Every structure is written in structure tokens, then in C-alpha cells.
Amino acid sequence: IVWELRLPRAVLAAVVGAGLSAIGVAVQAMVRNALADPFVLGISSGAAVGANAVLIFGAMGALGIWALSTAAFLSALL
């Protein structure tokens, strides 16, 4: 159980955490602001707008749950 379930999850959690921290450092270096985070830069607000647009326009019924995540991701990129 440990080798098949717990260890892969722990390793994946460490890899994802390292990736997120590397991206955070890159964003802070890019904007030259030590306090830069997704909320200050507007990335979180953009993702919320995309998710709300899917919910308001009813695209979730036609496209499923993936529409919400995809719209949030794409609008965060804008």
C-alpha cells in the first residue's frame, strides 16, 4: 500500500510544490516585486471572470465540468 499509493502521491506533491514555487519566484523576478502574487497581479481575478462567464452563459451544461477549468485557465492567461 505504501509503495503503490502513498509514495507516488507524496512524490507528486513534492514535484508540484517545487514547480509552483519555481513559477512564483519567476513571476516575482519578472515584475521585480517581492510581494507579487496572483491576487496582486490580477491573475486570480481573470480566472474568476472566465469561470463566472461559463456559469452565467450556461456553457457548463453543454461542455461539462472541463469547460469551467478551461475557461478559468484561458482567461487567467489574458
C-alpha atoms as a PDB file:
ATOM      1  CA  ILE A   1       0.000   0.000   0.000  1.00  0.00           C
ATOM      2  CA  VAL A   2       2.815   2.379   0.856  1.00  0.00           C
ATOM      3  CA  TRP A   3       4.744   1.792  -2.371  1.00  0.00           C
ATOM      4  CA  GLU A   4       1.714   1.765  -4.664  1.00  0.00           C
ATOM      5  CA  LEU A   5      -0.432   4.567  -3.253  1.00  0.00           C
ATOM      6  CA  ARG A   6       1.239   6.743  -0.676  1.00  0.00           C
ATOM      7  CA  LEU A   7       4.742   7.149  -2.079  1.00  0.00           C
ATOM      8  CA  PRO A   8       3.677   8.209  -5.606  1.00  0.00           C
ATOM      9  CA  ARG A   9       1.291  10.777  -4.128  1.00  0.00           C
ATOM     10  CA  ALA A  10       3.971  12.139  -1.816  1.00  0.00           C
ATOM     11  CA  VAL A  11       6.494  12.381  -4.645  1.00  0.00           C
ATOM     12  CA  LEU A  12       3.955  14.058  -6.922  1.00  0.00           C
ATOM     13  CA  ALA A  13       3.045  16.529  -4.174  1.00  0.00           C
ATOM     14  CA  ALA A  14       6.717  17.430  -3.756  1.00  0.00           C
ATOM     15  CA  VAL A  15       7.187  17.877  -7.513  1.00  0.00           C
ATOM     16  CA  VAL A  16       4.066  20.037  -7.854  1.00  0.00           C
ATOM     17  CA  GLY A  17       5.092  22.138  -4.859  1.00  0.00           C
ATOM     18  CA  ALA A  18       8.557  22.668  -6.302  1.00  0.00           C
ATOM     19  CA  GLY A  19       7.055  23.658  -9.644  1.00  0.00           C
ATOM     20  CA  LEU A  20       4.680  26.151  -8.066  1.00  0.00           C
ATOM     21  CA  SER A  21       7.454  27.714  -6.030  1.00  0.00           C
ATOM     22  CA  ALA A  22       9.684  27.999  -9.105  1.00  0.00           C
ATOM     23  CA  ILE A  23       6.913  29.730 -11.047  1.00  0.00           C
ATOM     24  CA  GLY A  24       6.297  32.067  -8.113  1.00  0.00           C
ATOM     25  CA  VAL A  25       9.948  33.049  -7.994  1.00  0.00           C
ATOM     26  CA  ALA A  26       9.959  33.562 -11.765  1.00  0.00           C
ATOM     27  CA  VAL A  27       6.916  35.858 -11.604  1.00  0.00           C
ATOM     28  CA  GLN A  28       8.430  37.856  -8.757  1.00  0.00           C
ATOM     29  CA  ALA A  29      11.702  38.229 -10.658  1.00  0.00           C
ATOM     30  CA  MET A  30       9.910  39.136 -13.877  1.00  0.00           C
ATOM     31  CA  VAL A  31       7.956  42.012 -12.331  1.00  0.00           C
ATOM     32  CA  ARG A  32      10.776  42.887  -9.889  1.00  0.00           C
ATOM     33  CA  ASN A  33       8.378  42.917  -6.959  1.00  0.00           C
ATOM     34  CA  ALA A  34       8.952  40.691  -3.939  1.00  0.00           C
ATOM     35  CA  LEU A  35       5.282  40.972  -2.979  1.00  0.00           C
ATOM     36  CA  ALA A  36       3.932  39.910  -6.374  1.00  0.00           C
ATOM     37  CA  ASP A  37       1.353  37.157  -6.155  1.00  0.00           C
ATOM     38  CA  PRO A  38      -1.594  36.083  -8.343  1.00  0.00           C
ATOM     39  CA  PHE A  39      -4.012  38.312  -6.434  1.00  0.00           C
ATOM     40  CA  VAL A  40      -1.884  41.453  -6.790  1.00  0.00           C
ATOM     41  CA  LEU A  41      -1.200  40.821 -10.480  1.00  0.00           C
ATOM     42  CA  GLY A  42      -4.859  40.158 -11.326  1.00  0.00           C
ATOM     43  CA  ILE A  43      -4.382  36.563 -12.434  1.00  0.00           C
ATOM     44  CA  SER A  44      -6.880  35.253  -9.889  1.00  0.00           C
ATOM     45  CA  SER A  45      -9.451  37.845 -10.892  1.00  0.00           C
ATOM     46  CA  GLY A  46      -9.064  36.916 -14.546  1.00  0.00           C
ATOM     47  CA  ALA A  47      -9.613  33.254 -13.755  1.00  0.00           C
ATOM     48  CA  ALA A  48     -12.711  34.126 -11.739  1.00  0.00           C
ATOM     49  CA  VAL A  49     -14.127  36.129 -14.656  1.00  0.00           C
ATOM     50  CA  GLY A  50     -13.692  33.184 -17.009  1.00  0.00           C
ATOM     51  CA  ALA A  51     -15.279  30.731 -14.584  1.00  0.00           C
ATOM     52  CA  ASN A  52     -18.206  33.069 -13.955  1.00  0.00           C
ATOM     53  CA  ALA A  53     -18.719  33.586 -17.691  1.00  0.00           C
ATOM     54  CA  VAL A  54     -19.088  29.831 -18.165  1.00  0.00           C
ATOM     55  CA  LEU A  55     -21.600  29.627 -15.332  1.00  0.00           C
ATOM     56  CA  ILE A  56     -23.613  32.649 -16.473  1.00  0.00           C
ATOM     57  CA  PHE A  57     -23.784  31.724 -20.162  1.00  0.00           C
ATOM     58  CA  GLY A  58     -24.610  28.094 -19.419  1.00  0.00           C
ATOM     59  CA  ALA A  59     -21.713  26.510 -21.291  1.00  0.00           C
ATOM     60  CA  MET A  60     -21.169  24.069 -18.453  1.00  0.00           C
ATOM     61  CA  GLY A  61     -24.241  22.045 -19.380  1.00  0.00           C
ATOM     62  CA  ALA A  62     -23.095  21.591 -22.960  1.00  0.00           C
ATOM     63  CA  LEU A  63     -19.379  21.112 -22.394  1.00  0.00           C
ATOM     64  CA  GLY A  64     -19.251  19.545 -18.935  1.00  0.00           C
ATOM     65  CA  ILE A  65     -17.024  20.256 -15.970  1.00  0.00           C
ATOM     66  CA  TRP A  66     -13.945  20.742 -18.177  1.00  0.00           C
ATOM     67  CA  ALA A  67     -15.443  23.963 -19.557  1.00  0.00           C
ATOM     68  CA  LEU A  68     -15.159  25.648 -16.168  1.00  0.00           C
ATOM     69  CA  SER A  69     -11.489  24.774 -15.683  1.00  0.00           C
ATOM     70  CA  THR A  70     -10.569  25.556 -19.272  1.00  0.00           C
ATOM     71  CA  ALA A  71     -12.280  28.945 -19.251  1.00  0.00           C
ATOM     72  CA  ALA A  72     -10.662  29.868 -15.941  1.00  0.00           C
ATOM     73  CA  PHE A  73      -7.233  28.875 -17.254  1.00  0.00           C
ATOM     74  CA  LEU A  74      -7.598  30.692 -20.562  1.00  0.00           C
ATOM     75  CA  SER A  75      -8.939  33.877 -19.012  1.00  0.00           C
ATOM     76  CA  ALA A  76      -6.125  33.839 -16.447  1.00  0.00           C
ATOM     77  CA  LEU A  77      -3.663  33.875 -19.343  1.00  0.00           C
ATOM     78  CA  LEU A  78      -5.204  37.074 -20.670  1.00  0.00           C
END
